[in-house]
PDB file of N, CA and C in Angstrom:
ATOM      1  N   UNK A   1     -20.205   1.733  -1.325  1.00  0.00           N
ATOM      2  CA  UNK A   1     -20.892   2.920  -1.979  1.00  0.00           C
ATOM      3  C   UNK A   1     -21.166   2.345  -3.525  1.00  0.00           C
ATOM      4  N   UNK A   2     -22.469   2.700  -3.886  1.00  0.00           N
ATOM      5  CA  UNK A   2     -22.647   2.217  -5.269  1.00  0.00           C
ATOM      6  C   UNK A   2     -22.837   3.701  -6.040  1.00  0.00           C
ATOM      7  N   UNK A   3     -22.304   3.709  -7.165  1.00  0.00           N
ATOM      8  CA  UNK A   3     -22.112   4.987  -8.328  1.00  0.00           C
ATOM      9  C   UNK A   3     -23.129   5.043  -9.215  1.00  0.00           C
ATOM     10  N   UNK A   4     -23.843   6.182  -9.491  1.00  0.00           N
ATOM     11  CA  UNK A   4     -24.288   6.354 -10.563  1.00  0.00           C
ATOM     12  C   UNK A   4     -23.386   6.820 -12.036  1.00  0.00           C
ATOM     13  N   UNK A   5     -24.571   6.369 -13.176  1.00  0.00           N
ATOM     14  CA  UNK A   5     -23.267   6.389 -14.238  1.00  0.00           C
ATOM     15  C   UNK A   5     -23.630   8.249 -14.649  1.00  0.00           C
ATOM     16  N   UNK A   6     -22.649   8.534 -15.514  1.00  0.00           N
ATOM     17  CA  UNK A   6     -22.939   9.627 -16.058  1.00  0.00           C
ATOM     18  C   UNK A   6     -23.894  10.240 -16.906  1.00  0.00           C
ATOM     19  N   UNK A   7     -24.665   9.134 -17.220  1.00  0.00           N
ATOM     20  CA  UNK A   7     -25.941   9.780 -17.630  1.00  0.00           C
ATOM     21  C   UNK A   7     -27.156   8.500 -17.514  1.00  0.00           C
ATOM     22  N   UNK A   8     -28.146   9.041 -16.973  1.00  0.00           N
ATOM     23  CA  UNK A   8     -29.005   8.260 -16.844  1.00  0.00           C
ATOM     24  C   UNK A   8     -30.773   9.224 -17.047  1.00  0.00           C
ATOM     25  N   UNK A   9     -31.093   8.604 -17.987  1.00  0.00           N
ATOM     26  CA  UNK A   9     -32.179   8.963 -19.045  1.00  0.00           C
ATOM     27  C   UNK A   9     -33.109   7.592 -18.801  1.00  0.00           C
ATOM     28  N   UNK A  10     -34.181   8.139 -19.580  1.00  0.00           N
ATOM     29  CA  UNK A  10     -35.373   6.893 -19.299  1.00  0.00           C
ATOM     30  C   UNK A  10     -34.898   5.855 -20.092  1.00  0.00           C
ATOM     31  N   UNK A  11     -33.688   6.024 -21.209  1.00  0.00           N
ATOM     32  CA  UNK A  11     -33.167   4.810 -22.123  1.00  0.00           C
ATOM     33  C   UNK A  11     -32.395   3.828 -21.211  1.00  0.00           C
ATOM     34  N   UNK A  12     -31.683   4.603 -20.115  1.00  0.00           N
ATOM     35  CA  UNK A  12     -30.596   3.735 -19.131  1.00  0.00           C
ATOM     36  C   UNK A  12     -31.746   3.410 -17.861  1.00  0.00           C
ATOM     37  N   UNK A  13     -32.746   3.772 -17.488  1.00  0.00           N
ATOM     38  CA  UNK A  13     -33.333   3.757 -15.923  1.00  0.00           C
ATOM     39  C   UNK A  13     -33.362   2.247 -15.963  1.00  0.00           C
ATOM     40  N   UNK A  14     -34.097   1.387 -16.164  1.00  0.00           N
ATOM     41  CA  UNK A  14     -34.070   0.260 -15.945  1.00  0.00           C
ATOM     42  C   UNK A  14     -32.857  -0.541 -15.731  1.00  0.00           C
ATOM     43  N   UNK A  15     -31.809  -0.540 -16.720  1.00  0.00           N
ATOM     44  CA  UNK A  15     -30.572  -1.178 -16.563  1.00  0.00           C
ATOM     45  C   UNK A  15     -29.933  -0.232 -15.178  1.00  0.00           C
ATOM     46  N   UNK A  16     -30.262   0.769 -14.993  1.00  0.00           N
ATOM     47  CA  UNK A  16     -29.292   1.263 -13.929  1.00  0.00           C
ATOM     48  C   UNK A  16     -29.941   0.777 -12.586  1.00  0.00           C
ATOM     49  N   UNK A  17     -31.379   0.511 -12.315  1.00  0.00           N
ATOM     50  CA  UNK A  17     -31.761   0.291 -11.191  1.00  0.00           C
ATOM     51  C   UNK A  17     -31.663  -1.034 -11.167  1.00  0.00           C
ATOM     52  N   UNK A  18     -31.575  -2.132 -12.312  1.00  0.00           N
ATOM     53  CA  UNK A  18     -31.154  -3.141 -11.840  1.00  0.00           C
ATOM     54  C   UNK A  18     -30.100  -3.460 -11.468  1.00  0.00           C
ATOM     55  N   UNK A  19     -28.766  -2.302 -11.855  1.00  0.00           N
ATOM     56  CA  UNK A  19     -27.448  -2.393 -11.287  1.00  0.00           C
ATOM     57  C   UNK A  19     -27.624  -2.214  -9.709  1.00  0.00           C
ATOM     58  N   UNK A  20     -28.249  -1.348  -9.345  1.00  0.00           N
ATOM     59  CA  UNK A  20     -28.056  -0.613  -8.251  1.00  0.00           C
ATOM     60  C   UNK A  20     -29.032  -1.991  -7.033  1.00  0.00           C
ATOM     61  N   UNK A  21     -29.988  -2.465  -7.731  1.00  0.00           N
ATOM     62  CA  UNK A  21     -30.429  -3.575  -6.745  1.00  0.00           C
ATOM     63  C   UNK A  21     -29.788  -4.955  -6.478  1.00  0.00           C
ATOM     64  N   UNK A  22     -28.892  -4.964  -7.627  1.00  0.00           N
ATOM     65  CA  UNK A  22     -27.991  -6.015  -7.673  1.00  0.00           C
ATOM     66  C   UNK A  22     -26.697  -5.697  -6.592  1.00  0.00           C
ATOM     67  N   UNK A  23     -26.270  -4.439  -6.625  1.00  0.00           N
ATOM     68  CA  UNK A  23     -25.243  -3.693  -5.855  1.00  0.00           C
ATOM     69  C   UNK A  23     -25.623  -3.837  -4.133  1.00  0.00           C
ATOM     70  N   UNK A  24     -27.082  -3.476  -4.236  1.00  0.00           N
ATOM     71  CA  UNK A  24     -27.752  -3.427  -2.882  1.00  0.00           C
ATOM     72  C   UNK A  24     -27.432  -5.173  -1.967  1.00  0.00           C
ATOM     73  N   UNK A  25     -27.535  -5.874  -2.896  1.00  0.00           N
ATOM     74  CA  UNK A  25     -27.538  -7.171  -2.444  1.00  0.00           C
ATOM     75  C   UNK A  25     -26.160  -7.503  -1.967  1.00  0.00           C
ATOM     76  N   UNK A  26     -25.192  -6.928  -1.985  1.00  0.00           N
ATOM     77  CA  UNK A  26     -23.728  -6.886  -1.906  1.00  0.00           C
ATOM     78  C   UNK A  26     -23.182  -5.967  -0.831  1.00  0.00           C
ATOM     79  N   UNK A  27     -24.168  -5.017  -0.230  1.00  0.00           N
ATOM     80  CA  UNK A  27     -23.884  -3.883   0.766  1.00  0.00           C
ATOM     81  C   UNK A  27     -24.050  -4.684   2.286  1.00  0.00           C
ATOM     82  N   UNK A  28     -23.073  -4.605   2.726  1.00  0.00           N
ATOM     83  CA  UNK A  28     -23.332  -5.205   4.343  1.00  0.00           C
ATOM     84  C   UNK A  28     -23.723  -3.678   5.335  1.00  0.00           C
ATOM     85  N   UNK A  29     -23.889  -4.053   6.400  1.00  0.00           N
ATOM     86  CA  UNK A  29     -24.180  -2.919   7.128  1.00  0.00           C
ATOM     87  C   UNK A  29     -25.401  -2.448   6.982  1.00  0.00           C
ATOM     88  N   UNK A  30     -25.983  -1.538   7.666  1.00  0.00           N
ATOM     89  CA  UNK A  30     -27.194  -0.938   7.654  1.00  0.00           C
ATOM     90  C   UNK A  30     -27.720   0.551   6.731  1.00  0.00           C
ATOM     91  N   UNK A  31     -26.819   0.772   6.341  1.00  0.00           N
ATOM     92  CA  UNK A  31     -27.090   1.875   5.024  1.00  0.00           C
ATOM     93  C   UNK A  31     -26.016   1.661   4.195  1.00  0.00           C
ATOM     94  N   UNK A  32     -26.862   2.550   3.138  1.00  0.00           N
ATOM     95  CA  UNK A  32     -26.607   2.270   1.608  1.00  0.00           C
ATOM     96  C   UNK A  32     -26.352   3.775   0.964  1.00  0.00           C
ATOM     97  N   UNK A  33     -25.092   3.828   0.716  1.00  0.00           N
ATOM     98  CA  UNK A  33     -24.632   5.519  -0.075  1.00  0.00           C
ATOM     99  C   UNK A  33     -24.832   5.191  -1.565  1.00  0.00           C
ATOM    100  N   UNK A  34     -25.339   6.250  -1.996  1.00  0.00           N
ATOM    101  CA  UNK A  34     -25.138   5.922  -3.911  1.00  0.00           C
ATOM    102  C   UNK A  34     -24.403   7.664  -4.126  1.00  0.00           C
ATOM    103  N   UNK A  35     -23.481   7.064  -5.064  1.00  0.00           N
ATOM    104  CA  UNK A  35     -22.756   8.239  -5.358  1.00  0.00           C
ATOM    105  C   UNK A  35     -23.234   8.929  -6.363  1.00  0.00           C
ATOM    106  N   UNK A  36     -23.477  10.342  -6.463  1.00  0.00           N
ATOM    107  CA  UNK A  36     -24.044  10.973  -7.754  1.00  0.00           C
ATOM    108  C   UNK A  36     -23.474  11.801  -8.394  1.00  0.00           C
ATOM    109  N   UNK A  37     -22.160  12.033  -7.716  1.00  0.00           N
ATOM    110  CA  UNK A  37     -21.216  12.663  -8.349  1.00  0.00           C
ATOM    111  C   UNK A  37     -20.898  12.814  -9.742  1.00  0.00           C
ATOM    112  N   UNK A  38     -20.714  11.643 -10.319  1.00  0.00           N
ATOM    113  CA  UNK A  38     -20.546  11.527 -11.805  1.00  0.00           C
ATOM    114  C   UNK A  38     -21.697  11.814 -12.816  1.00  0.00           C
ATOM    115  N   UNK A  39     -22.855  11.782 -12.257  1.00  0.00           N
ATOM    116  CA  UNK A  39     -24.170  12.095 -12.901  1.00  0.00           C
ATOM    117  C   UNK A  39     -23.960  13.404 -13.843  1.00  0.00           C
ATOM    118  N   UNK A  40     -23.906  13.629 -14.784  1.00  0.00           N
ATOM    119  CA  UNK A  40     -24.054  14.878 -15.995  1.00  0.00           C
ATOM    120  C   UNK A  40     -25.246  15.009 -16.727  1.00  0.00           C
ATOM    121  N   UNK A  41     -25.838  13.938 -17.370  1.00  0.00           N
ATOM    122  CA  UNK A  41     -26.795  14.195 -18.151  1.00  0.00           C
ATOM    123  C   UNK A  41     -27.890  13.014 -17.464  1.00  0.00           C
ATOM    124  N   UNK A  42     -29.015  13.739 -17.385  1.00  0.00           N
ATOM    125  CA  UNK A  42     -29.981  13.074 -16.440  1.00  0.00           C
ATOM    126  C   UNK A  42     -31.541  13.582 -17.227  1.00  0.00           C
ATOM    127  N   UNK A  43     -32.559  13.262 -16.822  1.00  0.00           N
ATOM    128  CA  UNK A  43     -34.018  13.273 -16.951  1.00  0.00           C
ATOM    129  C   UNK A  43     -34.657  13.214 -15.502  1.00  0.00           C
ATOM    130  N   UNK A  44     -36.030  13.227 -15.675  1.00  0.00           N
ATOM    131  CA  UNK A  44     -36.639  12.826 -14.572  1.00  0.00           C
ATOM    132  C   UNK A  44     -36.932  11.373 -14.342  1.00  0.00           C
ATOM    133  N   UNK A  45     -36.141  10.495 -15.158  1.00  0.00           N
ATOM    134  CA  UNK A  45     -36.221   9.030 -14.553  1.00  0.00           C
ATOM    135  C   UNK A  45     -35.130   8.872 -13.840  1.00  0.00           C
ATOM    136  N   UNK A  46     -34.155   9.814 -13.539  1.00  0.00           N
ATOM    137  CA  UNK A  46     -33.223   9.728 -12.788  1.00  0.00           C
ATOM    138  C   UNK A  46     -33.714   9.560 -11.195  1.00  0.00           C
ATOM    139  N   UNK A  47     -34.737  10.520 -11.304  1.00  0.00           N
ATOM    140  CA  UNK A  47     -35.304  10.406  -9.957  1.00  0.00           C
ATOM    141  C   UNK A  47     -36.183   9.351  -9.428  1.00  0.00           C
ATOM    142  N   UNK A  48     -36.989   8.666 -10.744  1.00  0.00           N
ATOM    143  CA  UNK A  48     -37.732   7.760 -10.604  1.00  0.00           C
ATOM    144  C   UNK A  48     -36.631   6.500 -10.275  1.00  0.00           C
ATOM    145  N   UNK A  49     -35.596   6.309 -10.613  1.00  0.00           N
ATOM    146  CA  UNK A  49     -34.740   5.158 -10.359  1.00  0.00           C
ATOM    147  C   UNK A  49     -34.323   5.296  -8.814  1.00  0.00           C
ATOM    148  N   UNK A  50     -33.782   6.409  -8.446  1.00  0.00           N
ATOM    149  CA  UNK A  50     -33.686   6.803  -7.036  1.00  0.00           C
ATOM    150  C   UNK A  50     -34.612   6.564  -6.410  1.00  0.00           C
ATOM    151  N   UNK A  51     -35.783   7.057  -6.359  1.00  0.00           N
ATOM    152  CA  UNK A  51     -36.773   6.530  -5.453  1.00  0.00           C
ATOM    153  C   UNK A  51     -37.499   5.138  -5.467  1.00  0.00           C
ATOM    154  N   UNK A  52     -37.293   4.317  -6.452  1.00  0.00           N
ATOM    155  CA  UNK A  52     -37.424   3.043  -6.399  1.00  0.00           C
ATOM    156  C   UNK A  52     -36.508   2.606  -5.647  1.00  0.00           C
ATOM    157  N   UNK A  53     -35.184   2.870  -5.637  1.00  0.00           N
ATOM    158  CA  UNK A  53     -34.156   2.333  -5.413  1.00  0.00           C
ATOM    159  C   UNK A  53     -33.964   2.208  -3.809  1.00  0.00           C
ATOM    160  N   UNK A  54     -34.766   3.772  -3.402  1.00  0.00           N
ATOM    161  CA  UNK A  54     -34.728   3.950  -1.711  1.00  0.00           C
ATOM    162  C   UNK A  54     -35.562   3.342  -1.414  1.00  0.00           C
ATOM    163  N   UNK A  55     -36.792   2.814  -2.007  1.00  0.00           N
ATOM    164  CA  UNK A  55     -37.855   2.208  -1.356  1.00  0.00           C
ATOM    165  C   UNK A  55     -37.124   0.381  -1.266  1.00  0.00           C
ATOM    166  N   UNK A  56     -36.468  -0.059  -2.207  1.00  0.00           N
ATOM    167  CA  UNK A  56     -35.801  -1.233  -2.252  1.00  0.00           C
ATOM    168  C   UNK A  56     -34.696  -1.097  -0.883  1.00  0.00           C
ATOM    169  N   UNK A  57     -34.265   0.030  -0.729  1.00  0.00           N
ATOM    170  CA  UNK A  57     -33.504   0.073   0.498  1.00  0.00           C
ATOM    171  C   UNK A  57     -34.328  -0.132   1.924  1.00  0.00           C
ATOM    172  N   UNK A  58     -35.366   0.601   2.154  1.00  0.00           N
ATOM    173  CA  UNK A  58     -36.126   0.417   2.954  1.00  0.00           C
ATOM    174  C   UNK A  58     -36.897  -0.793   3.221  1.00  0.00           C
ATOM    175  N   UNK A  59     -37.220  -1.391   2.156  1.00  0.00           N
ATOM    176  CA  UNK A  59     -37.522  -2.638   2.242  1.00  0.00           C
ATOM    177  C   UNK A  59     -36.695  -3.901   2.827  1.00  0.00           C
ATOM    178  N   UNK A  60     -35.500  -3.659   2.311  1.00  0.00           N
ATOM    179  CA  UNK A  60     -34.433  -4.338   2.793  1.00  0.00           C
ATOM    180  C   UNK A  60     -33.959  -3.941   4.269  1.00  0.00           C
ATOM    181  N   UNK A  61     -34.503  -3.433   4.840  1.00  0.00           N
ATOM    182  CA  UNK A  61     -34.455  -2.419   6.276  1.00  0.00           C
ATOM    183  C   UNK A  61     -32.842  -1.516   6.346  1.00  0.00           C
ATOM    184  N   UNK A  62     -32.437  -0.991   5.111  1.00  0.00           N
ATOM    185  CA  UNK A  62     -31.458  -0.454   5.108  1.00  0.00           C
ATOM    186  C   UNK A  62     -31.742   1.490   5.079  1.00  0.00           C
ATOM    187  N   UNK A  63     -31.018   2.248   5.497  1.00  0.00           N
ATOM    188  CA  UNK A  63     -31.119   3.375   5.383  1.00  0.00           C
ATOM    189  C   UNK A  63     -30.655   3.948   4.142  1.00  0.00           C
ATOM    190  N   UNK A  64     -30.828   4.766   3.447  1.00  0.00           N
ATOM    191  CA  UNK A  64     -30.660   5.151   1.990  1.00  0.00           C
ATOM    192  C   UNK A  64     -29.834   7.001   2.224  1.00  0.00           C
ATOM    193  N   UNK A  65     -28.825   7.052   1.600  1.00  0.00           N
ATOM    194  CA  UNK A  65     -28.681   8.328   1.200  1.00  0.00           C
ATOM    195  C   UNK A  65     -27.953   8.537   0.079  1.00  0.00           C
ATOM    196  N   UNK A  66     -27.522   9.940  -0.165  1.00  0.00           N
ATOM    197  CA  UNK A  66     -27.040  10.150  -1.682  1.00  0.00           C
ATOM    198  C   UNK A  66     -25.896  11.351  -1.245  1.00  0.00           C
ATOM    199  N   UNK A  67     -24.709  11.097  -1.754  1.00  0.00           N
ATOM    200  CA  UNK A  67     -23.606  11.899  -1.958  1.00  0.00           C
ATOM    201  C   UNK A  67     -23.622  12.292  -3.546  1.00  0.00           C
ATOM    202  N   UNK A  68     -23.006  13.842  -3.455  1.00  0.00           N
ATOM    203  CA  UNK A  68     -22.929  14.304  -4.488  1.00  0.00           C
ATOM    204  C   UNK A  68     -24.149  14.882  -5.618  1.00  0.00           C
ATOM    205  N   UNK A  69     -25.327  14.732  -4.962  1.00  0.00           N
ATOM    206  CA  UNK A  69     -26.499  15.129  -5.533  1.00  0.00           C
ATOM    207  C   UNK A  69     -26.177  16.565  -6.318  1.00  0.00           C
ATOM    208  N   UNK A  70     -26.167  16.885  -7.488  1.00  0.00           N
ATOM    209  CA  UNK A  70     -26.068  18.034  -8.168  1.00  0.00           C
ATOM    210  C   UNK A  70     -27.115  18.897  -8.016  1.00  0.00           C
ATOM    211  N   UNK A  71     -26.709  20.421  -8.027  1.00  0.00           N
ATOM    212  CA  UNK A  71     -27.631  21.112  -7.728  1.00  0.00           C
ATOM    213  C   UNK A  71     -28.823  21.198  -8.811  1.00  0.00           C
ATOM    214  N   UNK A  72     -28.447  20.896  -9.873  1.00  0.00           N
ATOM    215  CA  UNK A  72     -29.590  20.997 -10.860  1.00  0.00           C
ATOM    216  C   UNK A  72     -30.835  19.346 -10.492  1.00  0.00           C
ATOM    217  N   UNK A  73     -30.307  18.638 -10.209  1.00  0.00           N
ATOM    218  CA  UNK A  73     -31.011  17.320  -9.833  1.00  0.00           C
ATOM    219  C   UNK A  73     -31.666  17.607  -8.514  1.00  0.00           C
ATOM    220  N   UNK A  74     -31.164  18.332  -7.605  1.00  0.00           N
ATOM    221  CA  UNK A  74     -31.929  18.705  -6.320  1.00  0.00           C
ATOM    222  C   UNK A  74     -32.964  19.735  -6.757  1.00  0.00           C
ATOM    223  N   UNK A  75     -32.617  20.706  -7.767  1.00  0.00           N
ATOM    224  CA  UNK A  75     -33.962  21.496  -7.782  1.00  0.00           C
ATOM    225  C   UNK A  75     -35.157  20.769  -8.834  1.00  0.00           C
ATOM    226  N   UNK A  76     -34.754  19.413  -9.583  1.00  0.00           N
ATOM    227  CA  UNK A  76     -35.878  19.246 -10.426  1.00  0.00           C
ATOM    228  C   UNK A  76     -36.378  18.162  -9.089  1.00  0.00           C
ATOM    229  N   UNK A  77     -35.460  17.853  -8.303  1.00  0.00           N
ATOM    230  CA  UNK A  77     -36.506  16.844  -6.925  1.00  0.00           C
ATOM    231  C   UNK A  77     -37.414  17.718  -6.317  1.00  0.00           C
ATOM    232  N   UNK A  78     -36.685  19.463  -6.080  1.00  0.00           N
ATOM    233  CA  UNK A  78     -37.575  20.069  -5.307  1.00  0.00           C
ATOM    234  C   UNK A  78     -38.504  20.327  -6.111  1.00  0.00           C
ATOM    235  N   UNK A  79     -38.914  20.530  -7.476  1.00  0.00           N
ATOM    236  CA  UNK A  79     -39.866  20.797  -8.393  1.00  0.00           C
ATOM    237  C   UNK A  79     -40.860  19.744  -8.293  1.00  0.00           C
ATOM    238  N   UNK A  80     -40.837  18.471  -7.980  1.00  0.00           N
ATOM    239  CA  UNK A  80     -41.414  17.268  -7.996  1.00  0.00           C
ATOM    240  C   UNK A  80     -41.995  17.245  -6.369  1.00  0.00           C
ATOM    241  N   UNK A  81     -41.105  18.005  -5.746  1.00  0.00           N
ATOM    242  CA  UNK A  81     -41.560  17.875  -4.153  1.00  0.00           C
ATOM    243  C   UNK A  81     -41.208  16.998  -3.468  1.00  0.00           C
ATOM    244  N   UNK A  82     -39.638  15.997  -3.627  1.00  0.00           N
ATOM    245  CA  UNK A  82     -39.664  15.037  -3.245  1.00  0.00           C
ATOM    246  C   UNK A  82     -37.741  15.317  -2.530  1.00  0.00           C
ATOM    247  N   UNK A  83     -37.410  16.510  -2.691  1.00  0.00           N
ATOM    248  CA  UNK A  83     -36.331  16.502  -2.290  1.00  0.00           C
ATOM    249  C   UNK A  83     -35.767  15.889  -1.022  1.00  0.00           C
ATOM    250  N   UNK A  84     -36.799  16.211   0.318  1.00  0.00           N
ATOM    251  CA  UNK A  84     -36.634  15.507   1.029  1.00  0.00           C
ATOM    252  C   UNK A  84     -36.429  14.175   1.490  1.00  0.00           C
ATOM    253  N   UNK A  85     -37.007  13.168   0.361  1.00  0.00           N
ATOM    254  CA  UNK A  85     -36.749  11.860   0.084  1.00  0.00           C
ATOM    255  C   UNK A  85     -35.466  11.399   0.015  1.00  0.00           C
ATOM    256  N   UNK A  86     -34.968  12.134  -0.697  1.00  0.00           N
ATOM    257  CA  UNK A  86     -33.635  12.076  -1.316  1.00  0.00           C
ATOM    258  C   UNK A  86     -32.412  12.808  -0.479  1.00  0.00           C
ATOM    259  N   UNK A  87     -31.984  11.892   0.698  1.00  0.00           N
ATOM    260  CA  UNK A  87     -31.336  12.451   1.882  1.00  0.00           C
ATOM    261  C   UNK A  87     -29.558  12.760   1.323  1.00  0.00           C
ATOM    262  N   UNK A  88     -29.648  13.751   0.767  1.00  0.00           N
ATOM    263  CA  UNK A  88     -28.445  13.772   0.469  1.00  0.00           C
ATOM    264  C   UNK A  88     -27.261  14.326   1.465  1.00  0.00           C
ATOM    265  N   UNK A  89     -26.362  13.803   1.339  1.00  0.00           N
ATOM    266  CA  UNK A  89     -24.959  14.250   2.146  1.00  0.00           C
ATOM    267  C   UNK A  89     -23.951  14.921   1.763  1.00  0.00           C
TER     268      UNK A  89
END
């Protein structure tokens, strides 16, 4: 399982995405879970990171899912019409 940091704004987006993609390379199995429960401070860049990482997972042939998606982030994803792409578990 890969873990998001407590803060993910535009300033941290590129580094966080790189960390996730590096972590993807170490994941065995057919699925990758991202734990978002630590994420407290974020902006729409967090959604961009998650969507890009989802795309990276799909390209690698892995199923992507999220655990611990906060109601605020889910609401933001709903506002953008992408909540169904972030299959929270």
